[in-house]
């Protein structure tokens, strides 16, 4: 009697980036799946920039979201969490629990931040 067992690999959990010090920083860099691209987060107000470094002249920083999501935010109030989608992060306001869908891209038309509304 032959028995076939089907094995499938479960989705890899997203890597959560945490501070390496106890200090609360105004800005943090979050790596993406692209080895040359990081997201720079202003942890006080939720503003985000896409930062690309290079070994040649293709280095740049572009605004992903320039809207302040809160007034008088505190350092460390916002944090980014990667998802299993290489282009998508979740942004959370740790003070009130609001969450935004953040999408970065090499194409400016595909960069966005969208609030995730409670039902």
N, C-alpha and C. Protein backbone atom coordinates (compact mmCIF):
# COMPACT_ATOMS: atom_id res chain seq x y z
N UNK A 1 0.84 -1.17 0.00
CA UNK A 1 0.00 0.00 0.00
C UNK A 1 0.89 1.24 0.00
N UNK A 2 0.64 2.11 -0.92
CA UNK A 2 1.39 3.36 -1.01
C UNK A 2 0.59 4.47 -0.36
N UNK A 3 1.28 5.29 0.34
CA UNK A 3 0.62 6.43 0.99
C UNK A 3 1.37 7.69 0.60
N UNK A 4 0.67 8.64 0.06
CA UNK A 4 1.27 9.91 -0.32
C UNK A 4 0.89 10.96 0.70
N UNK A 5 1.88 11.67 1.15
CA UNK A 5 1.63 12.75 2.11
C UNK A 5 1.97 14.06 1.44
N UNK A 6 1.05 14.95 1.47
CA UNK A 6 1.26 16.27 0.88
C UNK A 6 1.75 17.22 1.96
N UNK A 7 2.85 17.84 1.69
CA UNK A 7 3.41 18.81 2.64
C UNK A 7 3.40 20.18 2.00
N UNK A 8 2.97 21.11 2.73
CA UNK A 8 3.04 22.49 2.25
C UNK A 8 3.70 23.33 3.32
N UNK A 9 4.44 24.29 2.86
CA UNK A 9 5.15 25.15 3.79
C UNK A 9 4.23 26.29 4.20
N UNK A 10 4.13 26.51 5.49
CA UNK A 10 3.31 27.61 5.98
C UNK A 10 4.00 28.93 5.65
N UNK A 11 3.22 29.97 5.54
CA UNK A 11 3.78 31.30 5.28
C UNK A 11 4.74 31.67 6.40
N UNK A 12 5.86 32.25 6.00
CA UNK A 12 6.84 32.69 6.99
C UNK A 12 6.27 33.88 7.76
N UNK A 13 6.47 33.90 9.06
CA UNK A 13 5.99 35.06 9.81
C UNK A 13 6.80 36.30 9.45
N UNK A 14 6.18 37.44 9.53
CA UNK A 14 6.88 38.69 9.25
C UNK A 14 7.91 38.95 10.33
N UNK A 15 9.01 39.55 9.92
CA UNK A 15 10.05 39.91 10.88
C UNK A 15 9.66 41.22 11.54
N UNK A 16 9.64 41.24 12.84
CA UNK A 16 9.31 42.45 13.58
C UNK A 16 10.60 43.13 13.97
N UNK A 17 10.72 44.40 13.60
CA UNK A 17 11.91 45.17 13.91
C UNK A 17 11.69 45.91 15.22
N UNK A 18 12.61 45.76 16.13
CA UNK A 18 12.49 46.46 17.40
C UNK A 18 13.71 47.32 17.64
N UNK A 19 13.56 48.31 18.50
CA UNK A 19 14.69 49.15 18.87
C UNK A 19 15.76 48.30 19.52
N UNK A 20 17.01 48.65 19.27
CA UNK A 20 18.11 47.92 19.89
C UNK A 20 18.58 48.59 21.18
N UNK A 21 17.98 49.71 21.51
CA UNK A 21 18.32 50.40 22.75
C UNK A 21 17.03 50.72 23.49
N UNK A 22 17.16 51.17 24.71
CA UNK A 22 15.99 51.59 25.48
C UNK A 22 15.59 53.02 25.17
N UNK A 23 16.40 53.72 24.40
CA UNK A 23 16.10 55.12 24.07
C UNK A 23 14.90 55.19 23.14
N UNK A 24 14.10 56.23 23.30
CA UNK A 24 12.99 56.47 22.39
C UNK A 24 13.47 57.49 21.37
N UNK A 25 13.41 57.13 20.11
CA UNK A 25 13.95 57.96 19.05
C UNK A 25 12.85 58.70 18.30
N UNK A 26 13.21 59.90 17.81
CA UNK A 26 12.28 60.66 16.97
C UNK A 26 12.12 60.01 15.60
N UNK A 27 13.19 59.41 15.09
CA UNK A 27 13.17 58.77 13.77
C UNK A 27 13.73 57.36 13.88
N UNK A 28 13.16 56.45 13.09
CA UNK A 28 13.67 55.08 12.99
C UNK A 28 13.69 54.67 11.52
N UNK A 29 14.66 53.83 11.15
CA UNK A 29 14.73 53.23 9.83
C UNK A 29 14.27 51.78 9.92
N UNK A 30 13.37 51.40 9.01
CA UNK A 30 12.86 50.04 8.95
C UNK A 30 13.30 49.42 7.63
N UNK A 31 13.96 48.26 7.66
CA UNK A 31 14.35 47.61 6.40
C UNK A 31 13.13 47.04 5.69
N UNK A 32 13.22 46.99 4.36
CA UNK A 32 12.19 46.35 3.54
C UNK A 32 12.80 45.08 2.95
N UNK A 33 12.03 44.37 2.15
CA UNK A 33 12.53 43.17 1.49
C UNK A 33 13.57 43.52 0.42
N UNK A 34 13.57 44.76 -0.04
CA UNK A 34 14.56 45.24 -1.00
C UNK A 34 15.79 45.67 -0.20
N UNK A 35 16.94 45.06 -0.45
CA UNK A 35 18.12 45.33 0.37
C UNK A 35 18.60 46.78 0.29
N UNK A 36 18.16 47.53 -0.70
CA UNK A 36 18.59 48.93 -0.85
C UNK A 36 17.56 49.93 -0.34
N UNK A 37 16.41 49.47 0.11
CA UNK A 37 15.32 50.37 0.48
C UNK A 37 14.94 50.23 1.94
N UNK A 38 14.80 51.38 2.60
CA UNK A 38 14.35 51.46 3.99
C UNK A 38 13.18 52.42 4.05
N UNK A 39 12.37 52.31 5.09
CA UNK A 39 11.34 53.30 5.38
C UNK A 39 11.80 54.07 6.61
N UNK A 40 11.78 55.40 6.51
CA UNK A 40 12.14 56.26 7.63
C UNK A 40 10.85 56.78 8.24
N UNK A 41 10.66 56.53 9.53
CA UNK A 41 9.44 56.91 10.23
C UNK A 41 9.74 57.98 11.26
N UNK A 42 8.94 59.05 11.23
CA UNK A 42 8.95 60.02 12.33
C UNK A 42 8.02 59.44 13.38
N UNK A 43 8.58 58.94 14.46
CA UNK A 43 7.80 58.21 15.47
C UNK A 43 6.88 59.11 16.27
N UNK A 44 6.98 60.44 16.10
CA UNK A 44 6.13 61.37 16.84
C UNK A 44 4.81 61.65 16.13
N UNK A 45 4.82 61.59 14.77
CA UNK A 45 3.61 62.02 14.05
C UNK A 45 3.20 61.10 12.90
N UNK A 46 3.96 60.04 12.62
CA UNK A 46 3.57 59.09 11.59
C UNK A 46 4.02 59.42 10.18
N UNK A 47 4.77 60.50 9.97
CA UNK A 47 5.27 60.80 8.64
C UNK A 47 6.26 59.72 8.22
N UNK A 48 6.24 59.37 6.92
CA UNK A 48 7.10 58.30 6.42
C UNK A 48 7.79 58.73 5.12
N UNK A 49 9.06 58.35 4.99
CA UNK A 49 9.84 58.56 3.79
C UNK A 49 10.39 57.23 3.32
N UNK A 50 10.54 57.09 2.01
CA UNK A 50 11.19 55.92 1.43
C UNK A 50 12.63 56.33 1.13
N UNK A 51 13.59 55.58 1.67
CA UNK A 51 15.01 55.91 1.52
C UNK A 51 15.68 54.78 0.75
N UNK A 52 16.38 55.16 -0.32
CA UNK A 52 17.12 54.16 -1.09
C UNK A 52 18.59 54.54 -1.09
N UNK A 53 19.44 53.58 -0.74
CA UNK A 53 20.87 53.81 -0.85
C UNK A 53 21.42 52.96 -1.98
N UNK A 54 22.62 53.30 -2.43
CA UNK A 54 23.19 52.63 -3.59
C UNK A 54 24.70 52.76 -3.56
N UNK A 55 25.36 51.96 -4.35
CA UNK A 55 26.80 52.07 -4.50
C UNK A 55 27.16 53.02 -5.65
N UNK A 56 26.14 53.54 -6.32
CA UNK A 56 26.39 54.52 -7.38
C UNK A 56 25.56 55.77 -7.09
N UNK A 57 25.01 56.40 -8.09
CA UNK A 57 24.30 57.66 -7.88
C UNK A 57 22.79 57.51 -7.78
N UNK A 58 22.28 56.35 -7.47
CA UNK A 58 20.84 56.12 -7.39
C UNK A 58 20.31 56.25 -5.97
N UNK A 59 20.95 57.04 -5.14
CA UNK A 59 20.46 57.23 -3.77
C UNK A 59 19.43 58.36 -3.75
N UNK A 60 18.37 58.15 -2.98
CA UNK A 60 17.35 59.19 -2.86
C UNK A 60 16.49 58.95 -1.63
N UNK A 61 15.74 59.99 -1.29
CA UNK A 61 14.74 59.91 -0.24
C UNK A 61 13.50 60.61 -0.78
N UNK A 62 12.36 59.92 -0.75
CA UNK A 62 11.10 60.51 -1.22
C UNK A 62 10.04 60.38 -0.14
N UNK A 63 9.13 61.32 -0.14
CA UNK A 63 8.03 61.31 0.83
C UNK A 63 7.06 60.20 0.47
N UNK A 64 6.73 59.38 1.44
CA UNK A 64 5.67 58.38 1.27
C UNK A 64 4.37 58.94 1.86
N UNK A 65 4.49 59.60 3.01
CA UNK A 65 3.34 60.25 3.65
C UNK A 65 3.84 61.45 4.44
N UNK A 66 3.42 62.65 4.01
CA UNK A 66 3.86 63.86 4.71
C UNK A 66 2.78 64.44 5.62
N UNK A 67 1.71 63.70 5.82
CA UNK A 67 0.62 64.16 6.68
C UNK A 67 0.91 63.79 8.14
N UNK A 68 0.88 64.79 9.02
CA UNK A 68 1.01 64.51 10.45
C UNK A 68 -0.29 63.88 10.92
N UNK A 69 -0.21 62.67 11.45
CA UNK A 69 -1.41 61.94 11.85
C UNK A 69 -1.92 62.35 13.23
N UNK A 70 -1.09 63.02 14.02
CA UNK A 70 -1.48 63.56 15.33
C UNK A 70 -0.77 64.88 15.55
N UNK A 71 -1.33 65.69 16.43
CA UNK A 71 -0.65 66.90 16.88
C UNK A 71 0.00 66.60 18.22
N UNK A 72 1.17 67.16 18.45
CA UNK A 72 1.87 67.01 19.73
C UNK A 72 2.12 65.55 20.09
N UNK A 73 2.49 64.75 19.09
CA UNK A 73 2.81 63.35 19.36
C UNK A 73 4.09 63.22 20.16
N UNK A 74 4.25 62.08 20.77
CA UNK A 74 5.42 61.81 21.61
C UNK A 74 6.40 60.90 20.86
N UNK A 75 7.71 61.05 21.10
CA UNK A 75 8.67 60.13 20.48
C UNK A 75 8.30 58.68 20.80
N UNK A 76 8.31 57.84 19.78
CA UNK A 76 7.96 56.43 19.96
C UNK A 76 6.48 56.14 19.85
N UNK A 77 5.66 57.16 19.57
CA UNK A 77 4.21 56.95 19.51
C UNK A 77 3.80 56.10 18.32
N UNK A 78 4.53 56.20 17.20
CA UNK A 78 4.20 55.43 16.00
C UNK A 78 5.26 54.36 15.75
N UNK A 79 4.81 53.22 15.23
CA UNK A 79 5.72 52.12 14.90
C UNK A 79 5.24 51.44 13.62
N UNK A 80 6.18 50.92 12.84
CA UNK A 80 5.87 50.17 11.63
C UNK A 80 6.09 48.68 11.86
N UNK A 81 5.20 47.88 11.28
CA UNK A 81 5.33 46.43 11.35
C UNK A 81 5.26 45.87 9.94
N UNK A 82 6.24 45.06 9.52
CA UNK A 82 6.19 44.47 8.19
C UNK A 82 5.10 43.40 8.12
N UNK A 83 4.64 43.15 6.91
CA UNK A 83 3.69 42.06 6.67
C UNK A 83 4.40 41.03 5.80
N UNK A 84 3.71 39.97 5.44
CA UNK A 84 4.30 38.98 4.55
C UNK A 84 4.32 39.46 3.10
N UNK A 85 3.66 40.57 2.80
CA UNK A 85 3.73 41.21 1.49
C UNK A 85 4.95 42.13 1.50
N UNK A 86 5.87 41.94 0.58
CA UNK A 86 7.12 42.71 0.55
C UNK A 86 6.92 44.21 0.48
N UNK A 87 5.81 44.67 -0.05
CA UNK A 87 5.58 46.09 -0.30
C UNK A 87 4.72 46.75 0.77
N UNK A 88 4.26 45.99 1.74
CA UNK A 88 3.26 46.49 2.68
C UNK A 88 3.73 46.41 4.13
N UNK A 89 3.48 47.49 4.86
CA UNK A 89 3.71 47.55 6.30
C UNK A 89 2.41 48.00 6.96
N UNK A 90 2.29 47.77 8.24
CA UNK A 90 1.21 48.34 9.03
C UNK A 90 1.83 49.38 9.96
N UNK A 91 1.20 50.54 10.02
CA UNK A 91 1.62 51.63 10.90
C UNK A 91 0.62 51.69 12.05
N UNK A 92 1.11 51.71 13.28
CA UNK A 92 0.21 51.80 14.43
C UNK A 92 0.55 53.02 15.28
N UNK A 93 -0.51 53.69 15.73
CA UNK A 93 -0.38 54.73 16.75
C UNK A 93 -0.50 54.00 18.07
N UNK A 94 0.60 53.88 18.79
CA UNK A 94 0.60 53.09 20.02
C UNK A 94 -0.16 53.76 21.15
N UNK A 95 -0.53 55.04 20.98
CA UNK A 95 -1.29 55.74 22.03
C UNK A 95 -2.78 55.45 21.93
N UNK A 96 -3.32 55.35 20.69
CA UNK A 96 -4.76 55.16 20.56
C UNK A 96 -5.16 53.90 19.78
N UNK A 97 -4.17 53.17 19.24
CA UNK A 97 -4.46 51.91 18.56
C UNK A 97 -4.87 52.02 17.11
N UNK A 98 -4.94 53.23 16.55
CA UNK A 98 -5.30 53.36 15.14
C UNK A 98 -4.22 52.74 14.27
N UNK A 99 -4.66 52.14 13.14
CA UNK A 99 -3.74 51.43 12.25
C UNK A 99 -3.93 51.92 10.81
N UNK A 100 -2.83 51.99 10.06
CA UNK A 100 -2.83 52.39 8.66
C UNK A 100 -2.12 51.33 7.84
N UNK A 101 -2.61 51.12 6.62
CA UNK A 101 -1.98 50.26 5.62
C UNK A 101 -0.98 51.15 4.89
N UNK A 102 0.30 50.77 4.91
CA UNK A 102 1.36 51.54 4.26
C UNK A 102 1.92 50.71 3.11
N UNK A 103 1.94 51.30 1.92
CA UNK A 103 2.52 50.60 0.78
C UNK A 103 3.62 51.45 0.18
N UNK A 104 4.82 50.90 0.07
CA UNK A 104 5.92 51.59 -0.58
C UNK A 104 6.13 50.98 -1.95
N UNK A 105 6.78 51.72 -2.84
CA UNK A 105 7.01 51.23 -4.19
C UNK A 105 8.08 52.07 -4.87
N UNK A 106 8.70 51.50 -5.89
CA UNK A 106 9.61 52.28 -6.74
C UNK A 106 8.79 53.21 -7.64
N UNK A 107 7.54 52.86 -7.87
CA UNK A 107 6.62 53.66 -8.69
C UNK A 107 5.84 54.60 -7.78
N UNK A 108 5.98 55.90 -8.01
CA UNK A 108 5.33 56.91 -7.16
C UNK A 108 3.81 56.72 -7.10
N UNK A 109 3.20 56.23 -8.16
CA UNK A 109 1.74 56.05 -8.18
C UNK A 109 1.28 54.92 -7.27
N UNK A 110 2.19 54.06 -6.85
CA UNK A 110 1.82 52.93 -6.00
C UNK A 110 2.20 53.14 -4.53
N UNK A 111 2.67 54.32 -4.17
CA UNK A 111 2.98 54.63 -2.77
C UNK A 111 1.73 55.19 -2.12
N UNK A 112 1.38 54.65 -0.94
CA UNK A 112 0.16 55.15 -0.29
C UNK A 112 0.14 54.79 1.18
N UNK A 113 -0.71 55.50 1.90
CA UNK A 113 -1.01 55.17 3.28
C UNK A 113 -2.52 55.34 3.43
N UNK A 114 -3.19 54.28 3.92
CA UNK A 114 -4.65 54.26 4.00
C UNK A 114 -5.06 53.85 5.42
N UNK A 115 -5.94 54.62 6.05
CA UNK A 115 -6.39 54.21 7.39
C UNK A 115 -7.19 52.92 7.33
N UNK A 116 -7.00 52.06 8.31
CA UNK A 116 -7.80 50.84 8.44
C UNK A 116 -8.87 51.14 9.48
N UNK A 117 -10.10 51.21 9.03
CA UNK A 117 -11.21 51.64 9.88
C UNK A 117 -11.77 50.49 10.71
N UNK A 118 -12.21 50.80 11.90
CA UNK A 118 -12.89 49.82 12.75
C UNK A 118 -14.29 49.56 12.21
N UNK A 119 -14.76 48.34 12.33
CA UNK A 119 -16.12 48.00 11.89
C UNK A 119 -17.10 48.17 13.03
